[in-house]
Amino acid sequence: MKIVTKDQKTVAEAATFLVGFHFAIDTEMGEAYRMPHASIVKLVEVSRAVMSYETAQVAYKIYVGTLTGVPHPSELVLLSPREWSGVLSGDVKLPEGWLVEELVRVL
């Protein structure tokens, strides 16, 4: 993965920086994707450290905000591998407006 500093200005560069930061603190993260957006960093991260919910039908955004040093607001959906499989099969839905086919793999 390309190393990107927090001073990068594009949404894609900020997404790469945040995924790298998250991976540094969650080594159980196996995959990460960004949802292309003009001004918001939208991430889907899949981690074995996340508890699965048997009845999950919608993947909720768990963080919305702006981080110091990252010049874009961020939204994060954190999923277990089981929930990610549900997203891929269509059994679990991403938040409204997020489309699996538009996700770009970052990690």
C-alpha atoms as a PDB file:
ATOM      1  CA  MET A   1       0.000   0.000   0.000  1.00  0.00           C
ATOM      2  CA  LYS A   2       1.251   3.481  -0.873  1.00  0.00           C
ATOM      3  CA  ILE A   3       2.158   5.542   2.198  1.00  0.00           C
ATOM      4  CA  VAL A   4       0.141   8.735   2.303  1.00  0.00           C
ATOM      5  CA  THR A   5       0.492  11.482   4.886  1.00  0.00           C
ATOM      6  CA  LYS A   6      -2.409  13.165   6.629  1.00  0.00           C
ATOM      7  CA  ASP A   7      -1.646  16.346   4.688  1.00  0.00           C
ATOM      8  CA  GLN A   8      -2.833  14.876   1.389  1.00  0.00           C
ATOM      9  CA  LYS A   9      -5.763  16.791  -0.037  1.00  0.00           C
ATOM     10  CA  THR A  10      -7.781  14.464  -2.272  1.00  0.00           C
ATOM     11  CA  VAL A  11     -10.531  12.262  -0.868  1.00  0.00           C
ATOM     12  CA  ALA A  12      -8.840   9.149  -2.293  1.00  0.00           C
ATOM     13  CA  GLU A  13      -5.511  10.065  -0.655  1.00  0.00           C
ATOM     14  CA  ALA A  14      -7.233  10.758   2.665  1.00  0.00           C
ATOM     15  CA  ALA A  15      -8.995   7.378   2.408  1.00  0.00           C
ATOM     16  CA  THR A  16      -5.665   5.614   1.874  1.00  0.00           C
ATOM     17  CA  PHE A  17      -4.171   7.460   4.863  1.00  0.00           C
ATOM     18  CA  LEU A  18      -7.095   6.520   7.135  1.00  0.00           C
ATOM     19  CA  VAL A  19      -7.044   2.858   6.095  1.00  0.00           C
ATOM     20  CA  GLY A  20      -3.312   2.733   6.821  1.00  0.00           C
ATOM     21  CA  PHE A  21      -3.891   4.318  10.217  1.00  0.00           C
ATOM     22  CA  HIS A  22      -6.732   1.912  11.027  1.00  0.00           C
ATOM     23  CA  PHE A  23      -4.666  -1.094   9.892  1.00  0.00           C
ATOM     24  CA  ALA A  24      -1.853  -0.012  12.217  1.00  0.00           C
ATOM     25  CA  ILE A  25      -4.206  -0.301  15.207  1.00  0.00           C
ATOM     26  CA  ASP A  26      -6.314  -3.245  13.943  1.00  0.00           C
ATOM     27  CA  THR A  27      -4.043  -5.923  12.522  1.00  0.00           C
ATOM     28  CA  GLU A  28      -7.102  -8.189  12.143  1.00  0.00           C
ATOM     29  CA  MET A  29      -8.330  -5.983   9.287  1.00  0.00           C
ATOM     30  CA  GLY A  30      -8.310  -8.030   6.116  1.00  0.00           C
ATOM     31  CA  GLU A  31      -9.941  -5.787   3.551  1.00  0.00           C
ATOM     32  CA  ALA A  32     -10.813  -2.134   3.135  1.00  0.00           C
ATOM     33  CA  TYR A  33     -12.738  -0.314   0.435  1.00  0.00           C
ATOM     34  CA  ARG A  34     -13.654   3.274  -0.296  1.00  0.00           C
ATOM     35  CA  MET A  35     -16.903   4.455  -1.780  1.00  0.00           C
ATOM     36  CA  PRO A  36     -15.989   7.157  -4.325  1.00  0.00           C
ATOM     37  CA  HIS A  37     -17.326  10.562  -3.294  1.00  0.00           C
ATOM     38  CA  ALA A  38     -16.328  14.101  -4.201  1.00  0.00           C
ATOM     39  CA  SER A  39     -15.930  15.462  -0.672  1.00  0.00           C
ATOM     40  CA  ILE A  40     -16.475  12.707   1.953  1.00  0.00           C
ATOM     41  CA  VAL A  41     -14.151   9.809   2.816  1.00  0.00           C
ATOM     42  CA  LYS A  42     -16.481   6.782   2.837  1.00  0.00           C
ATOM     43  CA  LEU A  43     -14.846   3.544   3.992  1.00  0.00           C
ATOM     44  CA  VAL A  44     -15.908  -0.071   4.403  1.00  0.00           C
ATOM     45  CA  GLU A  45     -13.471  -2.031   6.544  1.00  0.00           C
ATOM     46  CA  VAL A  46     -13.631  -5.787   7.154  1.00  0.00           C
ATOM     47  CA  SER A  47     -11.988  -7.045  10.336  1.00  0.00           C
ATOM     48  CA  ARG A  48     -11.870 -10.368  12.146  1.00  0.00           C
ATOM     49  CA  ALA A  49     -11.856  -8.329  15.380  1.00  0.00           C
ATOM     50  CA  VAL A  50     -15.473  -7.249  14.776  1.00  0.00           C
ATOM     51  CA  MET A  51     -18.256  -9.251  16.394  1.00  0.00           C
ATOM     52  CA  SER A  52     -20.753 -10.774  13.941  1.00  0.00           C
ATOM     53  CA  TYR A  53     -24.473 -10.392  14.379  1.00  0.00           C
ATOM     54  CA  GLU A  54     -26.555 -13.315  13.166  1.00  0.00           C
ATOM     55  CA  THR A  55     -29.505 -11.097  12.274  1.00  0.00           C
ATOM     56  CA  ALA A  56     -27.692  -8.178  10.617  1.00  0.00           C
ATOM     57  CA  GLN A  57     -29.613  -6.910   7.603  1.00  0.00           C
ATOM     58  CA  VAL A  58     -28.184  -3.405   7.295  1.00  0.00           C
ATOM     59  CA  ALA A  59     -24.562  -2.363   7.743  1.00  0.00           C
ATOM     60  CA  TYR A  60     -24.729   0.818   9.803  1.00  0.00           C
ATOM     61  CA  LYS A  61     -22.247   3.653   9.617  1.00  0.00           C
ATOM     62  CA  ILE A  62     -20.476   3.619  12.944  1.00  0.00           C
ATOM     63  CA  TYR A  63     -18.507   6.821  12.620  1.00  0.00           C
ATOM     64  CA  VAL A  64     -19.341  10.075  10.946  1.00  0.00           C
ATOM     65  CA  GLY A  65     -17.172  13.098  11.533  1.00  0.00           C
ATOM     66  CA  THR A  66     -14.018  15.012  10.783  1.00  0.00           C
ATOM     67  CA  LEU A  67     -10.620  14.005  12.105  1.00  0.00           C
ATOM     68  CA  THR A  68      -7.919  16.498  12.986  1.00  0.00           C
ATOM     69  CA  GLY A  69      -5.458  16.664  10.119  1.00  0.00           C
ATOM     70  CA  VAL A  70      -7.734  14.979   7.570  1.00  0.00           C
ATOM     71  CA  PRO A  71      -9.329  17.675   5.421  1.00  0.00           C
ATOM     72  CA  HIS A  72     -12.517  15.717   4.652  1.00  0.00           C
ATOM     73  CA  PRO A  73     -15.415  14.430   6.755  1.00  0.00           C
ATOM     74  CA  SER A  74     -15.408  10.639   7.088  1.00  0.00           C
ATOM     75  CA  GLU A  75     -17.949   7.835   7.272  1.00  0.00           C
ATOM     76  CA  LEU A  76     -16.937   4.309   8.269  1.00  0.00           C
ATOM     77  CA  VAL A  77     -18.774   1.004   8.031  1.00  0.00           C
ATOM     78  CA  LEU A  78     -16.953  -1.660  10.059  1.00  0.00           C
ATOM     79  CA  LEU A  79     -17.933  -5.267   9.290  1.00  0.00           C
ATOM     80  CA  SER A  80     -16.978  -8.776  10.319  1.00  0.00           C
ATOM     81  CA  PRO A  81     -15.997 -11.177   7.507  1.00  0.00           C
ATOM     82  CA  ARG A  82     -19.391 -12.879   7.945  1.00  0.00           C
ATOM     83  CA  GLU A  83     -21.254  -9.576   7.543  1.00  0.00           C
ATOM     84  CA  TRP A  84     -19.094  -8.707   4.501  1.00  0.00           C
ATOM     85  CA  SER A  85     -20.087 -12.052   2.955  1.00  0.00           C
ATOM     86  CA  GLY A  86     -23.690 -11.047   3.609  1.00  0.00           C
ATOM     87  CA  VAL A  87     -23.116  -7.747   1.814  1.00  0.00           C
ATOM     88  CA  LEU A  88     -21.631  -9.565  -1.184  1.00  0.00           C
ATOM     89  CA  SER A  89     -24.554 -12.027  -1.312  1.00  0.00           C
ATOM     90  CA  GLY A  90     -27.135  -9.246  -0.949  1.00  0.00           C
ATOM     91  CA  ASP A  91     -28.399 -10.414   2.455  1.00  0.00           C
ATOM     92  CA  VAL A  92     -26.868  -7.420   4.277  1.00  0.00           C
ATOM     93  CA  LYS A  93     -27.322  -3.941   2.838  1.00  0.00           C
ATOM     94  CA  LEU A  94     -24.803  -1.132   2.930  1.00  0.00           C
ATOM     95  CA  PRO A  95     -26.079   2.318   3.958  1.00  0.00           C
ATOM     96  CA  GLU A  96     -28.375   4.064   1.516  1.00  0.00           C
ATOM     97  CA  GLY A  97     -26.489   5.289  -1.532  1.00  0.00           C
ATOM     98  CA  TRP A  98     -23.494   2.967  -1.038  1.00  0.00           C
ATOM     99  CA  LEU A  99     -23.191   0.394  -3.841  1.00  0.00           C
ATOM    100  CA  VAL A 100     -20.975  -2.688  -3.665  1.00  0.00           C
ATOM    101  CA  GLU A 101     -20.202  -2.477  -7.359  1.00  0.00           C
ATOM    102  CA  GLU A 102     -18.765   1.034  -6.890  1.00  0.00           C
ATOM    103  CA  LEU A 103     -16.420   0.181  -4.010  1.00  0.00           C
ATOM    104  CA  VAL A 104     -12.705   0.574  -4.724  1.00  0.00           C
ATOM    105  CA  ARG A 105     -10.355  -1.748  -2.829  1.00  0.00           C
ATOM    106  CA  VAL A 106      -7.769   0.079  -0.719  1.00  0.00           C
ATOM    107  CA  LEU A 107      -6.368  -2.871   1.284  1.00  0.00           C
END
